[in-house]
Amino acid sequence: MAKLTVRFRSEIKKIHRFDKGIITIGRDSDNTICIDSLAIAPKHVIIDFEHPDGPRLIREDDQFPVRINGREVERHTLKDGDVVSLGKHNLLYQEEKTAKTETASPGFLDPIPRAGLQILNGKHIGRLIPIKNPMTRIGHPGGSIAVISLRKDGFHLSSLDGKEQILLNGDPIGNKVIPLNDGDRLEIDGRKFLFFT
């Protein structure tokens, strides 16, 4: 499984996952990954995930440069950790390896799935907060406090206090308990986070 994390300057815009096929990246809305910027060609690059040498990136428009790790390229076989620069957008390419699931002993809980939050603004921008417990509180006394809880069907977000100041993908969560998905954006009293699994 391959992961492409789209960033504009230091802000994460979207995370995409692919395991096969051919994808296109460009400004037009019919691309697999659409980046709405005049610095991006209508069809800027294609990536062939089924190429025999590995995922092959090919530049599609001679007028728009493509840089991999700072070096301009026409074609490139992607490797884990490569940074693809298109205009002012960067795409981080990562290979996700599927871990073997260990069977828990009778009477013990299954291990908590790996999840966390990345801080998207403020002086701690970029810091990762791992979620290690079945219930994780976020926020401060006197302000808004949210809870991320693990249930049988995944992680969920709810509020303990200040529900109107807790936003999920731009919308207040109110009194609801809402399932969390990889790539969701949280905002608590103006502090912004990216949820990932």
Protein backbone atom coordinates (compact mmCIF):
# COMPACT_ATOMS: atom_id res chain seq x y z
CA MET A 1 0.00 0.00 0.00
CA ALA A 2 1.36 3.43 -0.97
CA LYS A 3 0.48 6.69 0.77
CA LEU A 4 0.73 10.13 -0.83
CA THR A 5 0.45 13.06 1.61
CA VAL A 6 -0.31 16.34 -0.18
CA ARG A 7 1.09 19.45 1.52
CA PHE A 8 0.89 23.13 0.63
CA ARG A 9 3.78 24.87 2.35
CA SER A 10 3.69 23.20 5.81
CA GLU A 11 -0.03 22.38 5.87
CA ILE A 12 -1.31 18.88 5.12
CA LYS A 13 -4.15 19.11 2.59
CA LYS A 14 -5.04 15.47 1.99
CA ILE A 15 -3.79 11.90 2.33
CA HIS A 16 -4.35 9.38 -0.49
CA ARG A 17 -3.71 5.63 -0.47
CA PHE A 18 -3.21 3.35 -3.49
CA ASP A 19 -2.20 -0.26 -3.97
CA LYS A 20 -2.43 -0.70 -7.75
CA GLY A 21 -3.37 0.86 -11.07
CA ILE A 22 -2.39 4.11 -12.75
CA ILE A 23 -3.23 7.49 -11.22
CA THR A 24 -3.01 11.02 -12.56
CA ILE A 25 -2.22 14.21 -10.69
CA GLY A 26 -3.11 17.64 -12.03
CA ARG A 27 -5.34 20.72 -11.95
CA ASP A 28 -8.29 19.28 -13.87
CA SER A 29 -11.09 17.79 -11.78
CA ASP A 30 -10.98 14.45 -13.64
CA ASN A 31 -7.53 13.60 -12.20
CA THR A 32 -7.21 10.96 -9.52
CA ILE A 33 -5.61 13.65 -7.33
CA CYS A 34 -6.82 17.14 -8.19
CA ILE A 35 -4.70 20.10 -7.01
CA ASP A 36 -6.44 23.40 -7.72
CA SER A 37 -3.49 25.69 -8.49
CA LEU A 38 -2.36 27.56 -11.60
CA ALA A 39 1.18 26.30 -10.87
CA ILE A 40 -0.07 22.76 -11.59
CA ALA A 41 -0.61 21.52 -15.16
CA PRO A 42 -4.08 20.25 -16.16
CA LYS A 43 -2.44 16.80 -16.16
CA HIS A 44 0.94 17.19 -14.46
CA VAL A 45 2.14 13.61 -13.81
CA ILE A 46 1.02 10.02 -13.91
CA ILE A 47 2.11 7.29 -11.51
CA ASP A 48 2.01 3.67 -12.64
CA PHE A 49 1.82 1.48 -9.52
CA GLU A 50 2.03 -1.70 -11.61
CA HIS A 51 5.30 -0.92 -13.41
CA PRO A 52 7.69 -3.92 -13.15
CA ASP A 53 10.47 -1.75 -11.67
CA GLY A 54 8.21 -0.25 -9.01
CA PRO A 55 5.89 2.76 -8.92
CA ARG A 56 6.95 4.86 -11.91
CA LEU A 57 6.27 8.62 -12.03
CA ILE A 58 6.18 10.24 -15.49
CA ARG A 59 5.97 13.97 -16.21
CA GLU A 60 3.11 14.70 -18.61
CA ASP A 61 3.56 18.41 -19.44
CA ASP A 62 6.91 19.87 -20.57
CA GLN A 63 5.84 23.38 -19.46
CA PHE A 64 5.49 22.37 -15.80
CA PRO A 65 8.54 21.02 -13.92
CA VAL A 66 8.55 18.04 -11.56
CA ARG A 67 11.15 17.74 -8.81
CA ILE A 68 11.93 14.68 -6.73
CA ASN A 69 13.85 15.50 -3.55
CA GLY A 70 14.81 18.84 -5.13
CA ARG A 71 16.06 17.41 -8.45
CA GLU A 72 14.13 17.99 -11.68
CA VAL A 73 13.08 14.76 -13.40
CA GLU A 74 11.14 13.49 -16.41
CA ARG A 75 10.71 9.94 -15.06
CA HIS A 76 11.45 8.44 -11.69
CA THR A 77 10.84 5.18 -9.84
CA LEU A 78 9.45 6.24 -6.47
CA LYS A 79 11.06 5.06 -3.25
CA ASP A 80 9.83 5.32 0.31
CA GLY A 81 10.37 8.87 1.60
CA ASP A 82 10.58 10.59 -1.80
CA VAL A 83 9.18 14.13 -1.91
CA VAL A 84 7.52 15.07 -5.21
CA SER A 85 7.36 18.87 -5.77
CA LEU A 86 4.72 20.25 -8.14
CA GLY A 87 4.58 24.05 -8.06
CA LYS A 88 4.27 25.02 -4.38
CA HIS A 89 2.75 21.66 -3.45
CA ASN A 90 4.74 18.71 -2.12
CA LEU A 91 3.63 15.08 -2.10
CA LEU A 92 5.36 12.76 0.36
CA TYR A 93 5.47 9.18 -0.94
CA GLN A 94 5.48 6.47 1.73
CA GLU A 95 5.22 2.70 1.56
CA GLU A 96 3.01 1.21 4.24
CA LYS A 97 3.80 -2.32 5.23
CA THR A 98 1.04 -4.54 6.58
CA ALA A 99 1.97 -5.81 10.02
CA LYS A 100 1.07 -9.33 11.09
CA THR A 101 -1.75 -9.38 13.61
CA GLU A 102 -0.82 -11.06 16.86
CA THR A 103 -3.49 -13.12 18.56
CA ALA A 104 -4.22 -11.91 22.09
CA SER A 105 -4.21 -14.41 24.91
CA PRO A 106 -7.63 -15.34 26.31
CA GLY A 107 -8.78 -12.83 28.92
CA PHE A 108 -6.69 -9.95 27.50
CA LEU A 109 -7.80 -7.06 25.29
CA ASP A 110 -6.53 -6.83 21.73
CA PRO A 111 -3.74 -4.26 21.27
CA ILE A 112 -4.91 -0.71 20.54
CA PRO A 113 -4.68 -0.03 16.78
CA ARG A 114 -2.00 2.52 15.90
CA ALA A 115 -3.46 6.02 15.68
CA GLY A 116 -2.49 9.54 16.57
CA LEU A 117 -2.86 13.25 16.04
CA GLN A 118 -0.50 15.64 14.28
CA ILE A 119 -0.53 19.27 15.43
CA LEU A 120 -1.13 21.56 12.43
CA ASN A 121 -0.66 25.03 13.94
CA GLY A 122 0.96 26.90 16.83
CA LYS A 123 4.44 26.56 18.30
CA HIS A 124 4.27 22.74 18.34
CA ILE A 125 3.30 22.40 14.65
CA GLY A 126 4.24 19.01 13.23
CA ARG A 127 4.42 17.25 16.63
CA LEU A 128 2.79 13.81 16.74
CA ILE A 129 0.56 12.76 19.64
CA PRO A 130 0.14 8.96 19.78
CA ILE A 131 -3.22 7.57 20.91
CA LYS A 132 -2.32 4.73 23.25
CA ASN A 133 -5.40 4.34 25.45
CA PRO A 134 -9.03 3.33 24.84
CA MET A 135 -10.00 6.91 25.80
CA THR A 136 -7.87 10.00 25.12
CA ARG A 137 -8.77 13.51 26.31
CA ILE A 138 -7.72 16.54 24.26
CA GLY A 139 -7.99 20.10 25.51
CA HIS A 140 -7.55 22.00 28.75
CA PRO A 141 -9.69 22.61 31.83
CA GLY A 142 -11.46 25.93 31.43
CA GLY A 143 -11.54 25.46 27.66
CA SER A 144 -13.02 22.88 25.32
CA ILE A 145 -12.31 19.21 25.99
CA ALA A 146 -12.85 16.45 23.44
CA VAL A 147 -12.55 12.70 23.87
CA ILE A 148 -11.33 10.16 21.32
CA SER A 149 -12.62 6.73 22.29
CA LEU A 150 -11.95 3.33 20.77
CA ARG A 151 -14.98 1.14 20.10
CA LYS A 152 -15.39 -2.15 18.26
CA ASP A 153 -15.95 -0.33 14.97
CA GLY A 154 -13.06 2.15 15.33
CA PHE A 155 -12.25 5.52 16.87
CA HIS A 156 -14.96 8.07 17.73
CA LEU A 157 -14.94 11.76 18.71
CA SER A 158 -17.21 13.35 21.31
CA SER A 159 -17.15 16.42 23.58
CA LEU A 160 -16.90 16.74 27.34
CA ASP A 161 -17.05 20.53 27.36
CA GLY A 162 -17.28 23.38 24.86
CA LYS A 163 -18.98 21.34 22.17
CA GLU A 164 -19.51 24.32 19.85
CA GLN A 165 -15.76 25.05 19.88
CA ILE A 166 -14.87 21.51 18.78
CA LEU A 167 -14.92 21.18 14.99
CA LEU A 168 -14.53 18.09 12.83
CA ASN A 169 -13.69 18.92 9.21
CA GLY A 170 -15.00 22.45 9.82
CA ASP A 171 -18.33 21.53 11.46
CA PRO A 172 -19.18 21.75 15.20
CA ILE A 173 -19.72 18.27 16.65
CA GLY A 174 -22.35 19.38 19.20
CA ASN A 175 -23.58 16.50 21.34
CA LYS A 176 -22.90 13.85 18.70
CA VAL A 177 -20.48 10.94 18.85
CA ILE A 178 -18.84 10.86 15.42
CA PRO A 179 -16.68 8.11 13.86
CA LEU A 180 -13.16 9.27 12.95
CA ASN A 181 -11.52 8.45 9.63
CA ASP A 182 -7.89 8.65 8.59
CA GLY A 183 -7.18 12.22 7.43
CA ASP A 184 -9.97 13.90 9.43
CA ARG A 185 -9.20 17.40 10.71
CA LEU A 186 -10.02 18.44 14.26
CA GLU A 187 -10.11 21.94 15.71
CA ILE A 188 -10.38 22.56 19.46
CA ASP A 189 -10.40 26.21 20.63
CA GLY A 190 -8.47 27.17 17.49
CA ARG A 191 -5.86 24.41 17.87
CA LYS A 192 -5.80 22.25 14.73
CA PHE A 193 -5.01 18.55 14.47
CA LEU A 194 -4.89 15.85 11.78
CA PHE A 195 -6.17 12.42 12.86
CA PHE A 196 -4.36 9.47 11.31
CA THR A 197 -4.35 5.68 11.62
